[in-house]
């Protein structure tokens, strides 16, 4: 089975990936310019590259984590 990488995550899933943060924390981070949201329809999503940036995962090289 091939895993397809997501381009963005809903806020609840992104919060969990970022260590169980509260949704309110994500909104505060957005307000301070620390986190970028994208809108898809009426939903706010967090791009996978933003999650990688926050947790310090590189997207190049042999240690590339393909699950985000």
PDB file of N, CA and C in Angstrom:
ATOM      1  N   UNK A   1       0.840  -1.185   0.000  1.00  0.00           N
ATOM      2  CA  UNK A   1       0.000   0.000   0.000  1.00  0.00           C
ATOM      3  C   UNK A   1       0.878   1.239   0.000  1.00  0.00           C
ATOM      4  N   UNK A   2       0.558   2.205  -0.833  1.00  0.00           N
ATOM      5  CA  UNK A   2       1.306   3.445  -0.929  1.00  0.00           C
ATOM      6  C   UNK A   2       0.642   4.515  -0.085  1.00  0.00           C
ATOM      7  N   UNK A   3       1.433   5.189   0.752  1.00  0.00           N
ATOM      8  CA  UNK A   3       0.899   6.270   1.569  1.00  0.00           C
ATOM      9  C   UNK A   3       1.029   7.584   0.801  1.00  0.00           C
ATOM     10  N   UNK A   4      -0.078   8.295   0.674  1.00  0.00           N
ATOM     11  CA  UNK A   4      -0.077   9.590   0.014  1.00  0.00           C
ATOM     12  C   UNK A   4       0.083  10.658   1.078  1.00  0.00           C
ATOM     13  N   UNK A   5       1.038  11.543   0.872  1.00  0.00           N
ATOM     14  CA  UNK A   5       1.286  12.610   1.828  1.00  0.00           C
ATOM     15  C   UNK A   5       0.202  13.667   1.727  1.00  0.00           C
ATOM     16  N   UNK A   6      -0.275  14.112   2.856  1.00  0.00           N
ATOM     17  CA  UNK A   6      -1.259  15.188   2.894  1.00  0.00           C
ATOM     18  C   UNK A   6      -0.576  16.518   2.690  1.00  0.00           C
ATOM     19  N   UNK A   7      -1.276  17.423   2.052  1.00  0.00           N
ATOM     20  CA  UNK A   7      -0.757  18.774   1.861  1.00  0.00           C
ATOM     21  C   UNK A   7      -1.083  19.650   3.065  1.00  0.00           C
ATOM     22  N   UNK A   8      -2.185  19.357   3.747  1.00  0.00           N
ATOM     23  CA  UNK A   8      -2.613  20.164   4.892  1.00  0.00           C
ATOM     24  C   UNK A   8      -3.430  19.294   5.837  1.00  0.00           C
ATOM     25  N   UNK A   9      -3.499  19.723   7.086  1.00  0.00           N
ATOM     26  CA  UNK A   9      -4.212  18.980   8.118  1.00  0.00           C
ATOM     27  C   UNK A   9      -5.271  19.864   8.770  1.00  0.00           C
ATOM     28  N   UNK A  10      -6.425  19.279   9.122  1.00  0.00           N
ATOM     29  CA  UNK A  10      -7.415  20.024   9.901  1.00  0.00           C
ATOM     30  C   UNK A  10      -6.799  20.416  11.247  1.00  0.00           C
ATOM     31  N   UNK A  11      -7.336  21.455  11.854  1.00  0.00           N
ATOM     32  CA  UNK A  11      -6.748  21.967  13.101  1.00  0.00           C
ATOM     33  C   UNK A  11      -6.648  20.902  14.192  1.00  0.00           C
ATOM     34  N   UNK A  12      -7.663  20.069  14.347  1.00  0.00           N
ATOM     35  CA  UNK A  12      -7.603  19.044  15.403  1.00  0.00           C
ATOM     36  C   UNK A  12      -6.437  18.086  15.191  1.00  0.00           C
ATOM     37  N   UNK A  13      -6.234  17.640  13.954  1.00  0.00           N
ATOM     38  CA  UNK A  13      -5.129  16.722  13.670  1.00  0.00           C
ATOM     39  C   UNK A  13      -3.791  17.423  13.785  1.00  0.00           C
ATOM     40  N   UNK A  14      -3.713  18.660  13.311  1.00  0.00           N
ATOM     41  CA  UNK A  14      -2.461  19.416  13.418  1.00  0.00           C
ATOM     42  C   UNK A  14      -2.087  19.627  14.885  1.00  0.00           C
ATOM     43  N   UNK A  15      -3.069  19.943  15.715  1.00  0.00           N
ATOM     44  CA  UNK A  15      -2.819  20.140  17.144  1.00  0.00           C
ATOM     45  C   UNK A  15      -2.251  18.875  17.770  1.00  0.00           C
ATOM     46  N   UNK A  16      -2.787  17.728  17.387  1.00  0.00           N
ATOM     47  CA  UNK A  16      -2.293  16.452  17.904  1.00  0.00           C
ATOM     48  C   UNK A  16      -0.868  16.187  17.429  1.00  0.00           C
ATOM     49  N   UNK A  17      -0.598  16.456  16.148  1.00  0.00           N
ATOM     50  CA  UNK A  17       0.747  16.252  15.607  1.00  0.00           C
ATOM     51  C   UNK A  17       1.773  17.163  16.279  1.00  0.00           C
ATOM     52  N   UNK A  18       1.323  18.303  16.764  1.00  0.00           N
ATOM     53  CA  UNK A  18       2.220  19.260  17.410  1.00  0.00           C
ATOM     54  C   UNK A  18       2.302  19.032  18.922  1.00  0.00           C
ATOM     55  N   UNK A  19       2.011  17.835  19.348  1.00  0.00           N
ATOM     56  CA  UNK A  19       2.205  17.492  20.751  1.00  0.00           C
ATOM     57  C   UNK A  19       0.963  17.644  21.605  1.00  0.00           C
ATOM     58  N   UNK A  20      -0.206  17.643  21.000  1.00  0.00           N
ATOM     59  CA  UNK A  20      -1.435  17.751  21.771  1.00  0.00           C
ATOM     60  C   UNK A  20      -1.793  19.167  22.161  1.00  0.00           C
ATOM     61  N   UNK A  21      -1.386  20.127  21.344  1.00  0.00           N
ATOM     62  CA  UNK A  21      -1.735  21.518  21.624  1.00  0.00           C
ATOM     63  C   UNK A  21      -3.238  21.717  21.565  1.00  0.00           C
ATOM     64  N   UNK A  22      -3.715  22.747  22.227  1.00  0.00           N
ATOM     65  CA  UNK A  22      -5.118  23.128  22.190  1.00  0.00           C
ATOM     66  C   UNK A  22      -5.359  23.952  20.925  1.00  0.00           C
ATOM     67  N   UNK A  23      -6.554  23.842  20.354  1.00  0.00           N
ATOM     68  CA  UNK A  23      -6.886  24.635  19.150  1.00  0.00           C
ATOM     69  C   UNK A  23      -6.679  26.128  19.392  1.00  0.00           C
ATOM     70  N   UNK A  24      -7.003  26.581  20.600  1.00  0.00           N
ATOM     71  CA  UNK A  24      -6.824  27.996  20.935  1.00  0.00           C
ATOM     72  C   UNK A  24      -5.369  28.420  20.830  1.00  0.00           C
ATOM     73  N   UNK A  25      -4.467  27.521  21.175  1.00  0.00           N
ATOM     74  CA  UNK A  25      -3.036  27.809  21.056  1.00  0.00           C
ATOM     75  C   UNK A  25      -2.667  28.014  19.590  1.00  0.00           C
ATOM     76  N   UNK A  26      -3.239  27.185  18.708  1.00  0.00           N
ATOM     77  CA  UNK A  26      -2.965  27.345  17.275  1.00  0.00           C
ATOM     78  C   UNK A  26      -3.456  28.697  16.780  1.00  0.00           C
ATOM     79  N   UNK A  27      -4.647  29.113  17.209  1.00  0.00           N
ATOM     80  CA  UNK A  27      -5.171  30.417  16.797  1.00  0.00           C
ATOM     81  C   UNK A  27      -4.301  31.552  17.339  1.00  0.00           C
ATOM     82  N   UNK A  28      -3.817  31.411  18.577  1.00  0.00           N
ATOM     83  CA  UNK A  28      -2.919  32.426  19.135  1.00  0.00           C
ATOM     84  C   UNK A  28      -1.613  32.494  18.356  1.00  0.00           C
ATOM     85  N   UNK A  29      -1.084  31.343  17.969  1.00  0.00           N
ATOM     86  CA  UNK A  29       0.142  31.306  17.172  1.00  0.00           C
ATOM     87  C   UNK A  29      -0.080  31.985  15.814  1.00  0.00           C
ATOM     88  N   UNK A  30      -1.244  31.759  15.233  1.00  0.00           N
ATOM     89  CA  UNK A  30      -1.581  32.410  13.963  1.00  0.00           C
ATOM     90  C   UNK A  30      -1.629  33.925  14.147  1.00  0.00           C
ATOM     91  N   UNK A  31      -2.281  34.372  15.207  1.00  0.00           N
ATOM     92  CA  UNK A  31      -2.417  35.805  15.488  1.00  0.00           C
ATOM     93  C   UNK A  31      -1.054  36.480  15.660  1.00  0.00           C
ATOM     94  N   UNK A  32      -0.100  35.754  16.263  1.00  0.00           N
ATOM     95  CA  UNK A  32       1.255  36.298  16.476  1.00  0.00           C
ATOM     96  C   UNK A  32       2.149  36.138  15.246  1.00  0.00           C
ATOM     97  N   UNK A  33       1.639  35.519  14.191  1.00  0.00           N
ATOM     98  CA  UNK A  33       2.422  35.330  12.974  1.00  0.00           C
ATOM     99  C   UNK A  33       3.383  34.154  13.044  1.00  0.00           C
ATOM    100  N   UNK A  34       3.170  33.246  13.980  1.00  0.00           N
ATOM    101  CA  UNK A  34       4.052  32.099  14.163  1.00  0.00           C
ATOM    102  C   UNK A  34       3.593  30.872  13.394  1.00  0.00           C
ATOM    103  N   UNK A  35       2.364  30.886  12.880  1.00  0.00           N
ATOM    104  CA  UNK A  35       1.793  29.728  12.220  1.00  0.00           C
ATOM    105  C   UNK A  35       0.889  30.201  11.088  1.00  0.00           C
ATOM    106  N   UNK A  36       1.022  29.551   9.951  1.00  0.00           N
ATOM    107  CA  UNK A  36       0.236  29.916   8.771  1.00  0.00           C
ATOM    108  C   UNK A  36      -0.923  28.940   8.609  1.00  0.00           C
ATOM    109  N   UNK A  37      -2.098  29.494   8.449  1.00  0.00           N
ATOM    110  CA  UNK A  37      -3.292  28.699   8.146  1.00  0.00           C
ATOM    111  C   UNK A  37      -3.615  28.897   6.669  1.00  0.00           C
ATOM    112  N   UNK A  38      -4.304  27.944   6.080  1.00  0.00           N
ATOM    113  CA  UNK A  38      -4.879  28.113   4.750  1.00  0.00           C
ATOM    114  C   UNK A  38      -6.361  27.783   4.860  1.00  0.00           C
ATOM    115  N   UNK A  39      -7.164  28.412   4.034  1.00  0.00           N
ATOM    116  CA  UNK A  39      -8.591  28.137   4.008  1.00  0.00           C
ATOM    117  C   UNK A  39      -8.886  27.263   2.804  1.00  0.00           C
ATOM    118  N   UNK A  40      -9.589  26.182   3.026  1.00  0.00           N
ATOM    119  CA  UNK A  40     -10.061  25.327   1.953  1.00  0.00           C
ATOM    120  C   UNK A  40     -11.576  25.275   2.145  1.00  0.00           C
ATOM    121  N   UNK A  41     -12.265  25.996   1.286  1.00  0.00           N
ATOM    122  CA  UNK A  41     -13.698  26.185   1.505  1.00  0.00           C
ATOM    123  C   UNK A  41     -13.872  27.007   2.764  1.00  0.00           C
ATOM    124  N   UNK A  42     -14.636  26.470   3.707  1.00  0.00           N
ATOM    125  CA  UNK A  42     -14.827  27.169   4.981  1.00  0.00           C
ATOM    126  C   UNK A  42     -13.910  26.644   6.071  1.00  0.00           C
ATOM    127  N   UNK A  43     -13.109  25.622   5.754  1.00  0.00           N
ATOM    128  CA  UNK A  43     -12.253  24.997   6.765  1.00  0.00           C
ATOM    129  C   UNK A  43     -10.887  25.661   6.842  1.00  0.00           C
ATOM    130  N   UNK A  44     -10.409  25.848   8.058  1.00  0.00           N
ATOM    131  CA  UNK A  44      -9.041  26.290   8.277  1.00  0.00           C
ATOM    132  C   UNK A  44      -8.171  25.050   8.383  1.00  0.00           C
ATOM    133  N   UNK A  45      -7.080  25.055   7.654  1.00  0.00           N
ATOM    134  CA  UNK A  45      -6.156  23.922   7.639  1.00  0.00           C
ATOM    135  C   UNK A  45      -4.745  24.445   7.902  1.00  0.00           C
ATOM    136  N   UNK A  46      -3.874  23.552   8.350  1.00  0.00           N
ATOM    137  CA  UNK A  46      -2.471  23.905   8.547  1.00  0.00           C
ATOM    138  C   UNK A  46      -1.654  23.088   7.556  1.00  0.00           C
ATOM    139  N   UNK A  47      -0.892  23.782   6.702  1.00  0.00           N
ATOM    140  CA  UNK A  47      -0.076  23.065   5.722  1.00  0.00           C
ATOM    141  C   UNK A  47       0.944  22.148   6.406  1.00  0.00           C
ATOM    142  N   UNK A  48       1.196  20.998   5.780  1.00  0.00           N
ATOM    143  CA  UNK A  48       2.145  20.037   6.331  1.00  0.00           C
ATOM    144  C   UNK A  48       3.532  20.650   6.500  1.00  0.00           C
ATOM    145  N   UNK A  49       3.932  21.550   5.581  1.00  0.00           N
ATOM    146  CA  UNK A  49       5.254  22.159   5.709  1.00  0.00           C
ATOM    147  C   UNK A  49       5.350  23.054   6.943  1.00  0.00           C
ATOM    148  N   UNK A  50       4.238  23.628   7.387  1.00  0.00           N
ATOM    149  CA  UNK A  50       4.243  24.423   8.623  1.00  0.00           C
ATOM    150  C   UNK A  50       4.461  23.525   9.834  1.00  0.00           C
ATOM    151  N   UNK A  51       3.824  22.371   9.832  1.00  0.00           N
ATOM    152  CA  UNK A  51       4.005  21.429  10.943  1.00  0.00           C
ATOM    153  C   UNK A  51       5.451  20.951  10.982  1.00  0.00           C
ATOM    154  N   UNK A  52       5.996  20.622   9.814  1.00  0.00           N
ATOM    155  CA  UNK A  52       7.414  20.196   9.760  1.00  0.00           C
ATOM    156  C   UNK A  52       8.332  21.292  10.286  1.00  0.00           C
ATOM    157  N   UNK A  53       8.076  22.518   9.880  1.00  0.00           N
ATOM    158  CA  UNK A  53       8.917  23.645  10.318  1.00  0.00           C
ATOM    159  C   UNK A  53       8.880  23.780  11.835  1.00  0.00           C
ATOM    160  N   UNK A  54       7.705  23.677  12.414  1.00  0.00           N
ATOM    161  CA  UNK A  54       7.578  23.851  13.858  1.00  0.00           C
ATOM    162  C   UNK A  54       8.242  22.740  14.657  1.00  0.00           C
ATOM    163  N   UNK A  55       8.218  21.532  14.133  1.00  0.00           N
ATOM    164  CA  UNK A  55       8.837  20.426  14.871  1.00  0.00           C
ATOM    165  C   UNK A  55      10.265  20.158  14.421  1.00  0.00           C
ATOM    166  N   UNK A  56      10.735  20.924  13.435  1.00  0.00           N
ATOM    167  CA  UNK A  56      12.129  20.816  13.023  1.00  0.00           C
ATOM    168  C   UNK A  56      12.434  19.626  12.152  1.00  0.00           C
ATOM    169  N   UNK A  57      11.460  19.145  11.396  1.00  0.00           N
ATOM    170  CA  UNK A  57      11.694  18.021  10.489  1.00  0.00           C
ATOM    171  C   UNK A  57      12.130  18.562   9.144  1.00  0.00           C
ATOM    172  N   UNK A  58      13.208  18.048   8.642  1.00  0.00           N
ATOM    173  CA  UNK A  58      13.702  18.455   7.330  1.00  0.00           C
ATOM    174  C   UNK A  58      12.947  17.702   6.236  1.00  0.00           C
ATOM    175  N   UNK A  59      12.789  18.339   5.081  1.00  0.00           N
ATOM    176  CA  UNK A  59      12.101  17.680   3.966  1.00  0.00           C
ATOM    177  C   UNK A  59      13.080  17.215   2.903  1.00  0.00           C
ATOM    178  N   UNK A  60      14.378  17.289   3.201  1.00  0.00           N
ATOM    179  CA  UNK A  60      15.382  16.818   2.256  1.00  0.00           C
ATOM    180  C   UNK A  60      16.344  15.893   2.974  1.00  0.00           C
ATOM    181  N   UNK A  61      17.001  15.074   2.230  1.00  0.00           N
ATOM    182  CA  UNK A  61      18.018  14.204   2.811  1.00  0.00           C
ATOM    183  C   UNK A  61      17.462  12.882   3.281  1.00  0.00           C
ATOM    184  N   UNK A  62      18.348  12.030   3.799  1.00  0.00           N
ATOM    185  CA  UNK A  62      17.966  10.661   4.163  1.00  0.00           C
ATOM    186  C   UNK A  62      17.029  10.567   5.348  1.00  0.00           C
ATOM    187  N   UNK A  63      16.936  11.605   6.170  1.00  0.00           N
ATOM    188  CA  UNK A  63      16.077  11.556   7.359  1.00  0.00           C
ATOM    189  C   UNK A  63      14.688  12.094   7.085  1.00  0.00           C
ATOM    190  N   UNK A  64      14.342  12.274   5.832  1.00  0.00           N
ATOM    191  CA  UNK A  64      13.030  12.821   5.467  1.00  0.00           C
ATOM    192  C   UNK A  64      11.914  11.969   6.035  1.00  0.00           C
ATOM    193  N   UNK A  65      11.020  12.599   6.789  1.00  0.00           N
ATOM    194  CA  UNK A  65       9.874  11.913   7.374  1.00  0.00           C
ATOM    195  C   UNK A  65       8.699  12.034   6.423  1.00  0.00           C
ATOM    196  N   UNK A  66       8.269  10.929   5.832  1.00  0.00           N
ATOM    197  CA  UNK A  66       7.231  10.969   4.812  1.00  0.00           C
ATOM    198  C   UNK A  66       5.816  10.838   5.383  1.00  0.00           C
ATOM    199  N   UNK A  67       5.653  10.814   6.683  1.00  0.00           N
ATOM    200  CA  UNK A  67       4.326  10.651   7.242  1.00  0.00           C
ATOM    201  C   UNK A  67       3.588  11.960   7.444  1.00  0.00           C
ATOM    202  N   UNK A  68       4.246  13.097   7.328  1.00  0.00           N
ATOM    203  CA  UNK A  68       3.559  14.382   7.470  1.00  0.00           C
ATOM    204  C   UNK A  68       3.300  14.963   6.110  1.00  0.00           C
TER     205      UNK A  68
END
